[in-house]
Amino acid sequence: MVGNDVRRCFRINHTVLITVLALLLSSCAPGSVTLAPTPSPAEARKPTLTPTFTPTPRLTPDWHSVNDFLYQLQRAEPKRIGETAYDLVIIDIEAAKGSPEVIEELKHSPGGKKLTLCYISIGQAEDYRFYWKRGWSKSPPEWLGKPDPDWTGDYWVRYWHPEWQAIIFDYLDHVLDLGFDGVYLDQVEAYQYWEERGRKTAAREMVNFVMAIAERARRRYPGFGIFPQNAEELGVLFPEYMETMTGIGVEDLYYGYPRDNAPSPPEWTAQREAILDQWVKADKLVLTIDYTRIPEQINDAYARSGARGYIPFVTVRSLDLLIINKGHEPD
């Protein structure tokens, strides 16, 4: 997410944007932030699966059936979400309550069938997750970096390190066991943080990591969805990355940067649209998340996203409300 005091800051790298836009042009040539409360340790315990539940056989998800979606990480109640007509829902692993039956019921809920994505932060560690060990903040493992000053409890990680990747692969296995249709990967733009500190291979290493996540998941479930959040420029810089992804989520495209309930800078929006149009051209889903509660801005965000073939959702940055925007109800 974007803002001065939020953890998922989209750090604009103008050098990267200029490079990407140059690639796009050459290809066309002739011939106030609201923070959600930190979950308690009990809420973030390691998932324990219901041993007697047998889910229905996994089918390849029809991702192109999606024309609306919900993004809610805090206080998400699957039964309430199931009453809505959203085609796709992005929720935290804790919403599953450790039971694949919860996800199965959500996927076949009264409001209609739904595809489910599980949120995972891969560029930062969170000290309320099941993998966190006491003492790491004082005696950190080799892969653990400095705390993020914008969000208490989050730490930058050296995501190329095998030990961190093993933690995320374990996390992914739990997601697969719970029956989710895909994952929504946050803090992919962490590569910019490390580039700014001199690591020239940071972008390539992030791409390799995300593609390894996709390969591991799809060995078990072909068609498993992989959606990175932000850092859309990686799809142009590394075409194999875009080819592997199911789609991408982007924040604050029209409203929310640098503050909520305000338009994002037009030049910045145009730069991102030029890249995101390439994702649409490649037949990938583009999910846009804007942060405003002003009706005129909500309507504008839906209209502008829809006109370019993106799938819009407008919400609050805390992601703690089940929002249905008037005039843009899911169908």
C-alpha atoms as a PDB file:
ATOM      1  CA  MET A   1       0.000   0.000   0.000  1.00  0.00           C
ATOM      2  CA  VAL A   2       1.063   3.551  -0.571  1.00  0.00           C
ATOM      3  CA  GLY A   3       1.503   6.537   1.731  1.00  0.00           C
ATOM      4  CA  ASN A   4       3.924   8.111   4.123  1.00  0.00           C
ATOM      5  CA  ASP A   5       3.002   5.880   7.047  1.00  0.00           C
ATOM      6  CA  VAL A   6       1.989   2.550   5.558  1.00  0.00           C
ATOM      7  CA  ARG A   7       3.877  -0.635   5.294  1.00  0.00           C
ATOM      8  CA  ARG A   8       3.332  -1.457   1.660  1.00  0.00           C
ATOM      9  CA  CYS A   9       4.887   1.697   0.193  1.00  0.00           C
ATOM     10  CA  PHE A  10       5.176   1.757  -3.587  1.00  0.00           C
ATOM     11  CA  ARG A  11       8.600   3.298  -3.982  1.00  0.00           C
ATOM     12  CA  ILE A  12       8.771   4.821  -7.416  1.00  0.00           C
ATOM     13  CA  ASN A  13      12.064   4.092  -9.110  1.00  0.00           C
ATOM     14  CA  HIS A  14      12.232   6.638 -11.913  1.00  0.00           C
ATOM     15  CA  THR A  15      15.187   4.932 -13.556  1.00  0.00           C
ATOM     16  CA  VAL A  16      13.226   1.714 -13.782  1.00  0.00           C
ATOM     17  CA  LEU A  17      10.138   3.499 -15.112  1.00  0.00           C
ATOM     18  CA  ILE A  18      12.125   5.307 -17.778  1.00  0.00           C
ATOM     19  CA  THR A  19      13.744   2.026 -18.844  1.00  0.00           C
ATOM     20  CA  VAL A  20      10.403   0.254 -19.001  1.00  0.00           C
ATOM     21  CA  LEU A  21       8.729   3.057 -20.936  1.00  0.00           C
ATOM     22  CA  ALA A  22      11.593   3.049 -23.412  1.00  0.00           C
ATOM     23  CA  LEU A  23      11.049  -0.672 -23.950  1.00  0.00           C
ATOM     24  CA  LEU A  24       7.337  -0.104 -24.483  1.00  0.00           C
ATOM     25  CA  LEU A  25       7.910   2.675 -27.005  1.00  0.00           C
ATOM     26  CA  SER A  26      10.446   0.602 -28.932  1.00  0.00           C
ATOM     27  CA  SER A  27       8.035  -2.319 -29.095  1.00  0.00           C
ATOM     28  CA  CYS A  28       5.461  -0.040 -30.742  1.00  0.00           C
ATOM     29  CA  ALA A  29       7.872   1.382 -33.331  1.00  0.00           C
ATOM     30  CA  PRO A  30       7.244   0.584 -37.051  1.00  0.00           C
ATOM     31  CA  GLY A  31       8.820  -2.680 -38.259  1.00  0.00           C
ATOM     32  CA  SER A  32      -4.554  10.038   5.469  1.00  0.00           C
ATOM     33  CA  VAL A  33      -3.734   6.523   6.133  1.00  0.00           C
ATOM     34  CA  THR A  34      -5.707   4.139   8.287  1.00  0.00           C
ATOM     35  CA  LEU A  35      -3.695   1.314   9.851  1.00  0.00           C
ATOM     36  CA  ALA A  36      -5.331  -1.929  10.888  1.00  0.00           C
ATOM     37  CA  PRO A  37      -4.563  -3.300  14.343  1.00  0.00           C
ATOM     38  CA  THR A  38      -1.868  -5.936  14.553  1.00  0.00           C
ATOM     39  CA  PRO A  39      -3.386  -9.413  14.939  1.00  0.00           C
ATOM     40  CA  SER A  40      -2.783 -11.123  18.240  1.00  0.00           C
ATOM     41  CA  PRO A  41      -0.406 -14.102  18.413  1.00  0.00           C
ATOM     42  CA  ALA A  42      -3.416 -16.375  18.857  1.00  0.00           C
ATOM     43  CA  GLU A  43      -4.957 -15.086  15.633  1.00  0.00           C
ATOM     44  CA  ALA A  44      -1.711 -15.676  13.762  1.00  0.00           C
ATOM     45  CA  ARG A  45      -0.962 -19.195  14.960  1.00  0.00           C
ATOM     46  CA  LYS A  46       0.311 -21.829  12.595  1.00  0.00           C
ATOM     47  CA  PRO A  47      -2.584 -23.354  10.675  1.00  0.00           C
ATOM     48  CA  THR A  48      -3.830 -26.738  11.847  1.00  0.00           C
ATOM     49  CA  LEU A  49      -5.835 -28.548   9.212  1.00  0.00           C
ATOM     50  CA  THR A  50      -9.096 -30.352   9.868  1.00  0.00           C
ATOM     51  CA  PRO A  51      -8.012 -34.009   9.540  1.00  0.00           C
ATOM     52  CA  THR A  52     -11.311 -35.568   8.484  1.00  0.00           C
ATOM     53  CA  PHE A  53     -12.348 -33.165   5.728  1.00  0.00           C
ATOM     54  CA  THR A  54     -12.102 -34.349   2.128  1.00  0.00           C
ATOM     55  CA  PRO A  55     -12.487 -31.481  -0.355  1.00  0.00           C
ATOM     56  CA  THR A  56     -13.999 -31.873  -3.780  1.00  0.00           C
ATOM     57  CA  PRO A  57     -11.495 -32.573  -6.583  1.00  0.00           C
ATOM     58  CA  ARG A  58      -9.490 -29.533  -7.602  1.00  0.00           C
ATOM     59  CA  LEU A  59     -10.412 -28.085 -10.985  1.00  0.00           C
ATOM     60  CA  THR A  60      -8.349 -25.632 -12.998  1.00  0.00           C
ATOM     61  CA  PRO A  61      -9.661 -22.180 -12.021  1.00  0.00           C
ATOM     62  CA  ASP A  62     -11.349 -20.121 -14.705  1.00  0.00           C
ATOM     63  CA  TRP A  63      -9.524 -16.885 -14.036  1.00  0.00           C
ATOM     64  CA  HIS A  64     -11.108 -15.108 -16.968  1.00  0.00           C
ATOM     65  CA  SER A  65     -14.528 -15.504 -15.393  1.00  0.00           C
ATOM     66  CA  VAL A  66     -13.533 -12.785 -12.896  1.00  0.00           C
ATOM     67  CA  ASN A  67     -15.030  -9.320 -13.400  1.00  0.00           C
ATOM     68  CA  ASP A  68     -15.115  -8.121  -9.766  1.00  0.00           C
ATOM     69  CA  PHE A  69     -13.205  -8.833  -6.572  1.00  0.00           C
ATOM     70  CA  LEU A  70     -12.960  -8.139  -2.843  1.00  0.00           C
ATOM     71  CA  TYR A  71      -9.742  -7.354  -0.959  1.00  0.00           C
ATOM     72  CA  GLN A  72     -10.125  -7.717   2.828  1.00  0.00           C
ATOM     73  CA  LEU A  73      -7.302  -8.824   5.095  1.00  0.00           C
ATOM     74  CA  GLN A  74      -8.532  -7.816   8.539  1.00  0.00           C
ATOM     75  CA  ARG A  75     -11.728  -9.023  10.216  1.00  0.00           C
ATOM     76  CA  ALA A  76     -12.658 -11.106   7.177  1.00  0.00           C
ATOM     77  CA  GLU A  77     -15.557 -13.459   7.904  1.00  0.00           C
ATOM     78  CA  PRO A  78     -15.903 -16.124   5.192  1.00  0.00           C
ATOM     79  CA  LYS A  79     -19.631 -16.630   5.829  1.00  0.00           C
ATOM     80  CA  ARG A  80     -20.363 -12.937   5.363  1.00  0.00           C
ATOM     81  CA  ILE A  81     -18.121 -12.764   2.299  1.00  0.00           C
ATOM     82  CA  GLY A  82     -19.866 -15.850   0.968  1.00  0.00           C
ATOM     83  CA  GLU A  83     -23.171 -13.993   0.887  1.00  0.00           C
ATOM     84  CA  THR A  84     -21.777 -11.514  -1.635  1.00  0.00           C
ATOM     85  CA  ALA A  85     -21.546 -12.046  -5.394  1.00  0.00           C
ATOM     86  CA  TYR A  86     -17.838 -11.250  -5.732  1.00  0.00           C
ATOM     87  CA  ASP A  87     -16.076 -13.539  -8.230  1.00  0.00           C
ATOM     88  CA  LEU A  88     -12.689 -13.347  -6.497  1.00  0.00           C
ATOM     89  CA  VAL A  89     -11.716 -12.728  -2.880  1.00  0.00           C
ATOM     90  CA  ILE A  90      -8.286 -11.879  -1.476  1.00  0.00           C
ATOM     91  CA  ILE A  91      -8.043 -12.770   2.204  1.00  0.00           C
ATOM     92  CA  ASP A  92      -5.438 -13.598   4.830  1.00  0.00           C
ATOM     93  CA  ILE A  93      -4.645 -17.187   5.767  1.00  0.00           C
ATOM     94  CA  GLU A  94      -6.188 -16.601   9.203  1.00  0.00           C
ATOM     95  CA  ALA A  95      -9.634 -16.236   7.642  1.00  0.00           C
ATOM     96  CA  ALA A  96      -9.508 -19.956   6.836  1.00  0.00           C
ATOM     97  CA  LYS A  97      -9.392 -20.748  10.577  1.00  0.00           C
ATOM     98  CA  GLY A  98      -7.049 -23.639   9.839  1.00  0.00           C
ATOM     99  CA  SER A  99      -9.749 -25.574   7.990  1.00  0.00           C
ATOM    100  CA  PRO A 100      -9.943 -26.406   4.270  1.00  0.00           C
ATOM    101  CA  GLU A 101     -13.675 -26.795   4.791  1.00  0.00           C
ATOM    102  CA  VAL A 102     -13.955 -23.035   5.360  1.00  0.00           C
ATOM    103  CA  ILE A 103     -12.319 -22.312   2.011  1.00  0.00           C
ATOM    104  CA  GLU A 104     -14.369 -24.987   0.271  1.00  0.00           C
ATOM    105  CA  GLU A 105     -17.583 -23.453   1.562  1.00  0.00           C
ATOM    106  CA  LEU A 106     -16.440 -19.998   0.533  1.00  0.00           C
ATOM    107  CA  LYS A 107     -15.692 -21.207  -2.979  1.00  0.00           C
ATOM    108  CA  HIS A 108     -19.212 -22.651  -3.254  1.00  0.00           C
ATOM    109  CA  SER A 109     -21.031 -20.032  -1.217  1.00  0.00           C
ATOM    110  CA  PRO A 110     -24.664 -18.829  -1.345  1.00  0.00           C
ATOM    111  CA  GLY A 111     -23.653 -15.637  -3.160  1.00  0.00           C
ATOM    112  CA  GLY A 112     -22.127 -17.621  -5.996  1.00  0.00           C
ATOM    113  CA  LYS A 113     -18.906 -19.435  -6.818  1.00  0.00           C
ATOM    114  CA  LYS A 114     -15.724 -17.657  -5.855  1.00  0.00           C
ATOM    115  CA  LEU A 115     -12.034 -17.947  -6.552  1.00  0.00           C
ATOM    116  CA  THR A 116      -9.839 -17.460  -3.500  1.00  0.00           C
ATOM    117  CA  LEU A 117      -6.408 -15.868  -3.161  1.00  0.00           C
ATOM    118  CA  CYS A 118      -4.343 -16.030   0.008  1.00  0.00           C
ATOM    119  CA  TYR A 119      -2.251 -12.997   0.922  1.00  0.00           C
ATOM    120  CA  ILE A 120       1.457 -13.625   1.642  1.00  0.00           C
ATOM    121  CA  SER A 121       4.140 -10.999   2.211  1.00  0.00           C
ATOM    122  CA  ILE A 122       7.335 -12.304   0.629  1.00  0.00           C
ATOM    123  CA  GLY A 123       9.556  -9.204   0.828  1.00  0.00           C
ATOM    124  CA  GLN A 124       9.061  -8.581   4.532  1.00  0.00           C
ATOM    125  CA  ALA A 125       8.739 -10.781   7.610  1.00  0.00           C
ATOM    126  CA  GLU A 126       5.896 -10.162  10.075  1.00  0.00           C
ATOM    127  CA  ASP A 127       6.527 -10.866  13.738  1.00  0.00           C
ATOM    128  CA  TYR A 128       2.933 -12.058  14.373  1.00  0.00           C
ATOM    129  CA  ARG A 129       3.134 -14.927  11.866  1.00  0.00           C
ATOM    130  CA  PHE A 130       3.460 -18.579  12.843  1.00  0.00           C
ATOM    131  CA  TYR A 131       7.015 -18.769  11.509  1.00  0.00           C
ATOM    132  CA  TRP A 132       8.342 -16.008  13.784  1.00  0.00           C
ATOM    133  CA  LYS A 133      10.659 -17.096  16.583  1.00  0.00           C
ATOM    134  CA  ARG A 134      11.249 -15.248  19.814  1.00  0.00           C
ATOM    135  CA  GLY A 135      14.612 -13.587  19.923  1.00  0.00           C
ATOM    136  CA  TRP A 136      14.889 -12.870  16.212  1.00  0.00           C
ATOM    137  CA  SER A 137      14.502  -9.128  16.738  1.00  0.00           C
ATOM    138  CA  LYS A 138      17.496  -9.133  19.128  1.00  0.00           C
ATOM    139  CA  SER A 139      19.509 -11.909  17.533  1.00  0.00           C
ATOM    140  CA  PRO A 140      18.363 -11.968  13.905  1.00  0.00           C
ATOM    141  CA  PRO A 141      19.038 -14.772  11.453  1.00  0.00           C
ATOM    142  CA  GLU A 142      21.243 -13.939   8.494  1.00  0.00           C
ATOM    143  CA  TRP A 143      18.313 -13.231   6.179  1.00  0.00           C
ATOM    144  CA  LEU A 144      16.477 -10.814   8.512  1.00  0.00           C
ATOM    145  CA  GLY A 145      17.033  -7.131   7.830  1.00  0.00           C
ATOM    146  CA  LYS A 146      16.083  -3.914   9.564  1.00  0.00           C
ATOM    147  CA  PRO A 147      12.566  -3.162  10.811  1.00  0.00           C
ATOM    148  CA  ASP A 148      10.309  -1.149   8.551  1.00  0.00           C
ATOM    149  CA  PRO A 149       9.886   2.200  10.346  1.00  0.00           C
ATOM    150  CA  ASP A 150       6.481   2.687   8.723  1.00  0.00           C
ATOM    151  CA  TRP A 151       4.941  -0.426  10.226  1.00  0.00           C
ATOM    152  CA  THR A 152       5.680  -1.885  13.648  1.00  0.00           C
ATOM    153  CA  GLY A 153       6.429  -5.590  13.528  1.00  0.00           C
ATOM    154  CA  ASP A 154       7.525  -5.766   9.889  1.00  0.00           C
ATOM    155  CA  TYR A 155      11.129  -6.419   8.873  1.00  0.00           C
ATOM    156  CA  TRP A 156      12.872  -6.265   5.535  1.00  0.00           C
ATOM    157  CA  VAL A 157      14.223  -9.631   4.480  1.00  0.00           C
ATOM    158  CA  ARG A 158      16.994 -10.824   2.184  1.00  0.00           C
ATOM    159  CA  TYR A 159      14.455 -12.709   0.130  1.00  0.00           C
ATOM    160  CA  TRP A 160      17.112 -14.423  -1.984  1.00  0.00           C
ATOM    161  CA  HIS A 161      18.396 -16.268   1.083  1.00  0.00           C
ATOM    162  CA  PRO A 162      17.548 -20.010   1.063  1.00  0.00           C
ATOM    163  CA  GLU A 163      16.328 -19.981   4.686  1.00  0.00           C
ATOM    164  CA  TRP A 164      13.764 -17.244   4.042  1.00  0.00           C
ATOM    165  CA  GLN A 165      12.626 -18.923   0.860  1.00  0.00           C
ATOM    166  CA  ALA A 166      12.170 -22.186   2.777  1.00  0.00           C
ATOM    167  CA  ILE A 167       9.893 -20.345   5.232  1.00  0.00           C
ATOM    168  CA  ILE A 168       7.765 -18.988   2.393  1.00  0.00           C
ATOM    169  CA  PHE A 169       7.625 -22.389   0.684  1.00  0.00           C
ATOM    170  CA  ASP A 170       6.361 -23.871   3.947  1.00  0.00           C
ATOM    171  CA  TYR A 171       3.786 -21.079   4.144  1.00  0.00           C
ATOM    172  CA  LEU A 172       2.769 -21.856   0.554  1.00  0.00           C
ATOM    173  CA  ASP A 173       2.306 -25.528   1.390  1.00  0.00           C
ATOM    174  CA  HIS A 174      -0.170 -24.581   4.121  1.00  0.00           C
ATOM    175  CA  VAL A 175      -2.039 -22.393   1.641  1.00  0.00           C
ATOM    176  CA  LEU A 176      -2.228 -25.293  -0.799  1.00  0.00           C
ATOM    177  CA  ASP A 177      -3.409 -27.665   1.925  1.00  0.00           C
ATOM    178  CA  LEU A 178      -6.197 -25.261   2.820  1.00  0.00           C
ATOM    179  CA  GLY A 179      -7.511 -25.327  -0.730  1.00  0.00           C
ATOM    180  CA  PHE A 180      -6.931 -21.763  -1.913  1.00  0.00           C
ATOM    181  CA  ASP A 181      -6.964 -21.219  -5.677  1.00  0.00           C
ATOM    182  CA  GLY A 182      -3.929 -18.961  -5.674  1.00  0.00           C
ATOM    183  CA  VAL A 183      -1.717 -16.526  -3.784  1.00  0.00           C
ATOM    184  CA  TYR A 184      -1.483 -12.744  -3.678  1.00  0.00           C
ATOM    185  CA  LEU A 185       2.161 -11.828  -3.090  1.00  0.00           C
ATOM    186  CA  ASP A 186       2.919  -8.566  -1.327  1.00  0.00           C
ATOM    187  CA  GLN A 187       6.177  -6.629  -0.983  1.00  0.00           C
ATOM    188  CA  VAL A 188       7.483  -7.734  -4.364  1.00  0.00           C
ATOM    189  CA  GLU A 189       8.704  -4.150  -4.693  1.00  0.00           C
ATOM    190  CA  ALA A 190      11.145  -4.889  -1.863  1.00  0.00           C
ATOM    191  CA  TYR A 191      13.679  -5.395  -4.643  1.00  0.00           C
ATOM    192  CA  GLN A 192      13.822  -1.585  -4.920  1.00  0.00           C
ATOM    193  CA  TYR A 193      14.768  -1.299  -1.248  1.00  0.00           C
ATOM    194  CA  TRP A 194      17.779  -3.548  -1.820  1.00  0.00           C
ATOM    195  CA  GLU A 195      18.730  -1.942  -5.131  1.00  0.00           C
ATOM    196  CA  GLU A 196      18.942   1.378  -3.327  1.00  0.00           C
ATOM    197  CA  ARG A 197      21.426  -0.284  -0.973  1.00  0.00           C
ATOM    198  CA  GLY A 198      23.663  -1.483  -3.762  1.00  0.00           C
ATOM    199  CA  ARG A 199      22.396  -4.964  -4.619  1.00  0.00           C
ATOM    200  CA  LYS A 200      22.441  -4.949  -8.416  1.00  0.00           C
ATOM    201  CA  THR A 201      20.895  -8.411  -8.717  1.00  0.00           C
ATOM    202  CA  ALA A 202      17.854  -7.605  -6.546  1.00  0.00           C
ATOM    203  CA  ALA A 203      15.287  -7.430  -9.371  1.00  0.00           C
ATOM    204  CA  ARG A 204      16.431 -10.664 -10.987  1.00  0.00           C
ATOM    205  CA  GLU A 205      16.424 -12.420  -7.609  1.00  0.00           C
ATOM    206  CA  MET A 206      12.875 -11.296  -6.855  1.00  0.00           C
ATOM    207  CA  VAL A 207      11.704 -12.513 -10.244  1.00  0.00           C
ATOM    208  CA  ASN A 208      13.400 -15.870  -9.663  1.00  0.00           C
ATOM    209  CA  PHE A 209      11.786 -16.158  -6.223  1.00  0.00           C
ATOM    210  CA  VAL A 210       8.267 -15.458  -7.453  1.00  0.00           C
ATOM    211  CA  MET A 211       8.690 -17.856 -10.358  1.00  0.00           C
ATOM    212  CA  ALA A 212       9.944 -20.535  -7.945  1.00  0.00           C
ATOM    213  CA  ILE A 213       6.780 -20.040  -5.877  1.00  0.00           C
ATOM    214  CA  ALA A 214       4.694 -20.521  -9.023  1.00  0.00           C
ATOM    215  CA  GLU A 215       6.590 -23.655 -10.024  1.00  0.00           C
ATOM    216  CA  ARG A 216       6.264 -25.234  -6.583  1.00  0.00           C
ATOM    217  CA  ALA A 217       2.529 -24.543  -6.362  1.00  0.00           C
ATOM    218  CA  ARG A 218       1.744 -25.714  -9.869  1.00  0.00           C
ATOM    219  CA  ARG A 219       3.500 -29.018  -9.368  1.00  0.00           C
ATOM    220  CA  ARG A 220       0.582 -29.794  -7.056  1.00  0.00           C
ATOM    221  CA  TYR A 221      -2.172 -27.781  -8.721  1.00  0.00           C
ATOM    222  CA  PRO A 222      -1.809 -26.730 -12.366  1.00  0.00           C
ATOM    223  CA  GLY A 223      -3.587 -23.450 -12.924  1.00  0.00           C
ATOM    224  CA  PHE A 224      -2.838 -22.232  -9.402  1.00  0.00           C
ATOM    225  CA  GLY A 225      -3.022 -18.435  -9.503  1.00  0.00           C
ATOM    226  CA  ILE A 226       0.010 -16.247  -8.892  1.00  0.00           C
ATOM    227  CA  PHE A 227      -0.671 -12.526  -8.436  1.00  0.00           C
ATOM    228  CA  PRO A 228       2.156 -10.206  -7.335  1.00  0.00           C
ATOM    229  CA  GLN A 229       1.169  -6.833  -5.905  1.00  0.00           C
ATOM    230  CA  ASN A 230       2.775  -3.735  -7.452  1.00  0.00           C
ATOM    231  CA  ALA A 231       6.225  -3.699  -9.117  1.00  0.00           C
ATOM    232  CA  GLU A 232       4.454  -4.197 -12.451  1.00  0.00           C
ATOM    233  CA  GLU A 233       7.578  -3.040 -14.280  1.00  0.00           C
ATOM    234  CA  LEU A 234       9.179  -6.428 -13.625  1.00  0.00           C
ATOM    235  CA  GLY A 235       6.815  -7.932 -16.183  1.00  0.00           C
ATOM    236  CA  VAL A 236       8.306  -5.780 -18.932  1.00  0.00           C
ATOM    237  CA  LEU A 237      11.900  -6.020 -17.779  1.00  0.00           C
ATOM    238  CA  PHE A 238      11.608  -9.819 -17.517  1.00  0.00           C
ATOM    239  CA  PRO A 239       9.059 -11.134 -20.067  1.00  0.00           C
ATOM    240  CA  GLU A 240       9.184 -14.670 -18.648  1.00  0.00           C
ATOM    241  CA  TYR A 241       7.918 -13.259 -15.355  1.00  0.00           C
ATOM    242  CA  MET A 242       4.819 -11.765 -16.935  1.00  0.00           C
ATOM    243  CA  GLU A 243       4.241 -14.970 -18.881  1.00  0.00           C
ATOM    244  CA  THR A 244       4.282 -17.007 -15.656  1.00  0.00           C
ATOM    245  CA  MET A 245       1.947 -14.751 -13.668  1.00  0.00           C
ATOM    246  CA  THR A 246      -1.834 -15.164 -13.697  1.00  0.00           C
ATOM    247  CA  GLY A 247      -2.256 -11.447 -13.169  1.00  0.00           C
ATOM    248  CA  ILE A 248      -1.172  -8.550 -11.019  1.00  0.00           C
ATOM    249  CA  GLY A 249      -2.637  -6.294  -8.347  1.00  0.00           C
ATOM    250  CA  VAL A 250      -1.773  -2.585  -8.257  1.00  0.00           C
ATOM    251  CA  GLU A 251      -2.548  -0.012  -5.598  1.00  0.00           C
ATOM    252  CA  ASP A 252      -3.319   3.702  -5.806  1.00  0.00           C
ATOM    253  CA  LEU A 253      -3.381   3.841  -9.585  1.00  0.00           C
ATOM    254  CA  TYR A 254      -5.937   6.644  -9.591  1.00  0.00           C
ATOM    255  CA  TYR A 255      -6.522   7.546  -5.941  1.00  0.00           C
ATOM    256  CA  GLY A 256      -4.494   7.170  -2.761  1.00  0.00           C
ATOM    257  CA  TYR A 257      -0.941   8.276  -3.584  1.00  0.00           C
ATOM    258  CA  PRO A 258       0.522  10.003  -1.678  1.00  0.00           C
ATOM    259  CA  ARG A 259      -2.575  10.189   0.548  1.00  0.00           C
ATOM    260  CA  ASP A 260      -6.015   8.642   0.715  1.00  0.00           C
ATOM    261  CA  ASN A 261      -9.067  10.373  -0.764  1.00  0.00           C
ATOM    262  CA  ALA A 262      -6.887  12.337  -3.189  1.00  0.00           C
ATOM    263  CA  PRO A 263      -5.980  11.834  -6.851  1.00  0.00           C
ATOM    264  CA  SER A 264      -2.650  10.206  -7.617  1.00  0.00           C
ATOM    265  CA  PRO A 265      -0.314  12.371  -9.757  1.00  0.00           C
ATOM    266  CA  PRO A 266      -1.413  12.196 -13.436  1.00  0.00           C
ATOM    267  CA  GLU A 267       2.100  11.643 -14.795  1.00  0.00           C
ATOM    268  CA  TRP A 268       2.695   8.824 -12.329  1.00  0.00           C
ATOM    269  CA  THR A 269      -0.657   7.237 -13.236  1.00  0.00           C
ATOM    270  CA  ALA A 270       0.110   7.469 -16.959  1.00  0.00           C
ATOM    271  CA  GLN A 271       3.489   5.783 -16.503  1.00  0.00           C
ATOM    272  CA  ARG A 272       1.878   2.885 -14.702  1.00  0.00           C
ATOM    273  CA  GLU A 273      -0.971   2.583 -17.192  1.00  0.00           C
ATOM    274  CA  ALA A 274       1.550   2.243 -20.029  1.00  0.00           C
ATOM    275  CA  ILE A 275       3.030  -0.763 -18.270  1.00  0.00           C
ATOM    276  CA  LEU A 276      -0.253  -2.294 -17.104  1.00  0.00           C
ATOM    277  CA  ASP A 277      -1.635  -2.131 -20.644  1.00  0.00           C
ATOM    278  CA  GLN A 278       1.099  -4.603 -21.566  1.00  0.00           C
ATOM    279  CA  TRP A 279      -0.228  -7.002 -18.920  1.00  0.00           C
ATOM    280  CA  VAL A 280      -3.709  -6.738 -20.407  1.00  0.00           C
ATOM    281  CA  LYS A 281      -2.282  -7.287 -23.895  1.00  0.00           C
ATOM    282  CA  ALA A 282      -0.621 -10.455 -22.564  1.00  0.00           C
ATOM    283  CA  ASP A 283      -4.069 -11.683 -21.411  1.00  0.00           C
ATOM    284  CA  LYS A 284      -3.320 -11.233 -17.702  1.00  0.00           C
ATOM    285  CA  LEU A 285      -5.789 -10.019 -15.097  1.00  0.00           C
ATOM    286  CA  VAL A 286      -5.029  -6.544 -13.765  1.00  0.00           C
ATOM    287  CA  LEU A 287      -6.650  -5.869 -10.392  1.00  0.00           C
ATOM    288  CA  THR A 288      -6.658  -2.230  -9.315  1.00  0.00           C
ATOM    289  CA  ILE A 289      -7.103  -1.130  -5.705  1.00  0.00           C
ATOM    290  CA  ASP A 290      -7.737   2.543  -5.035  1.00  0.00           C
ATOM    291  CA  TYR A 291      -8.147   4.121  -1.609  1.00  0.00           C
ATOM    292  CA  THR A 292     -10.900   6.700  -1.363  1.00  0.00           C
ATOM    293  CA  ARG A 293     -14.388   7.000   0.115  1.00  0.00           C
ATOM    294  CA  ILE A 294     -15.442  10.014  -1.948  1.00  0.00           C
ATOM    295  CA  PRO A 295     -18.297   8.887  -4.246  1.00  0.00           C
ATOM    296  CA  GLU A 296     -17.158  10.892  -7.281  1.00  0.00           C
ATOM    297  CA  GLN A 297     -13.661   9.475  -6.995  1.00  0.00           C
ATOM    298  CA  ILE A 298     -14.982   5.938  -6.547  1.00  0.00           C
ATOM    299  CA  ASN A 299     -17.033   6.248  -9.724  1.00  0.00           C
ATOM    300  CA  ASP A 300     -14.086   7.708 -11.607  1.00  0.00           C
ATOM    301  CA  ALA A 301     -11.737   4.915 -10.514  1.00  0.00           C
ATOM    302  CA  TYR A 302     -14.189   2.237 -11.676  1.00  0.00           C
ATOM    303  CA  ALA A 303     -14.765   3.997 -15.004  1.00  0.00           C
ATOM    304  CA  ARG A 304     -11.082   4.545 -15.787  1.00  0.00           C
ATOM    305  CA  SER A 305     -10.035   1.041 -14.796  1.00  0.00           C
ATOM    306  CA  GLY A 306     -12.855  -0.562 -16.737  1.00  0.00           C
ATOM    307  CA  ALA A 307     -12.078   1.456 -19.859  1.00  0.00           C
ATOM    308  CA  ARG A 308      -8.567  -0.034 -19.994  1.00  0.00           C
ATOM    309  CA  GLY A 309      -9.614  -3.593 -19.285  1.00  0.00           C
ATOM    310  CA  TYR A 310      -8.586  -3.579 -15.624  1.00  0.00           C
ATOM    311  CA  ILE A 311     -10.755  -4.982 -12.822  1.00  0.00           C
ATOM    312  CA  PRO A 312     -11.325  -2.299 -10.164  1.00  0.00           C
ATOM    313  CA  PHE A 313     -12.009  -2.265  -6.437  1.00  0.00           C
ATOM    314  CA  VAL A 314     -12.097   0.802  -4.190  1.00  0.00           C
ATOM    315  CA  THR A 315     -11.748   0.402  -0.446  1.00  0.00           C
ATOM    316  CA  VAL A 316     -10.121   1.693   2.760  1.00  0.00           C
ATOM    317  CA  ARG A 317      -6.406   1.241   3.249  1.00  0.00           C
ATOM    318  CA  SER A 318      -6.829  -0.685   6.490  1.00  0.00           C
ATOM    319  CA  LEU A 319      -8.502  -3.452   4.453  1.00  0.00           C
ATOM    320  CA  ASP A 320     -10.678  -4.266   7.435  1.00  0.00           C
ATOM    321  CA  LEU A 321     -14.130  -3.716   5.922  1.00  0.00           C
ATOM    322  CA  LEU A 322     -16.322  -5.764   3.638  1.00  0.00           C
ATOM    323  CA  ILE A 323     -17.064  -2.999   1.159  1.00  0.00           C
ATOM    324  CA  ILE A 324     -19.636  -3.009  -1.623  1.00  0.00           C
ATOM    325  CA  ASN A 325     -19.485   0.270  -3.508  1.00  0.00           C
ATOM    326  CA  LYS A 326     -22.867   1.740  -4.437  1.00  0.00           C
ATOM    327  CA  GLY A 327     -23.429   1.534  -8.162  1.00  0.00           C
ATOM    328  CA  HIS A 328     -20.597  -0.967  -8.551  1.00  0.00           C
ATOM    329  CA  GLU A 329     -22.108  -3.979  -6.822  1.00  0.00           C
ATOM    330  CA  PRO A 330     -20.671  -7.382  -7.748  1.00  0.00           C
ATOM    331  CA  ASP A 331     -22.859  -9.376 -10.101  1.00  0.00           C
END
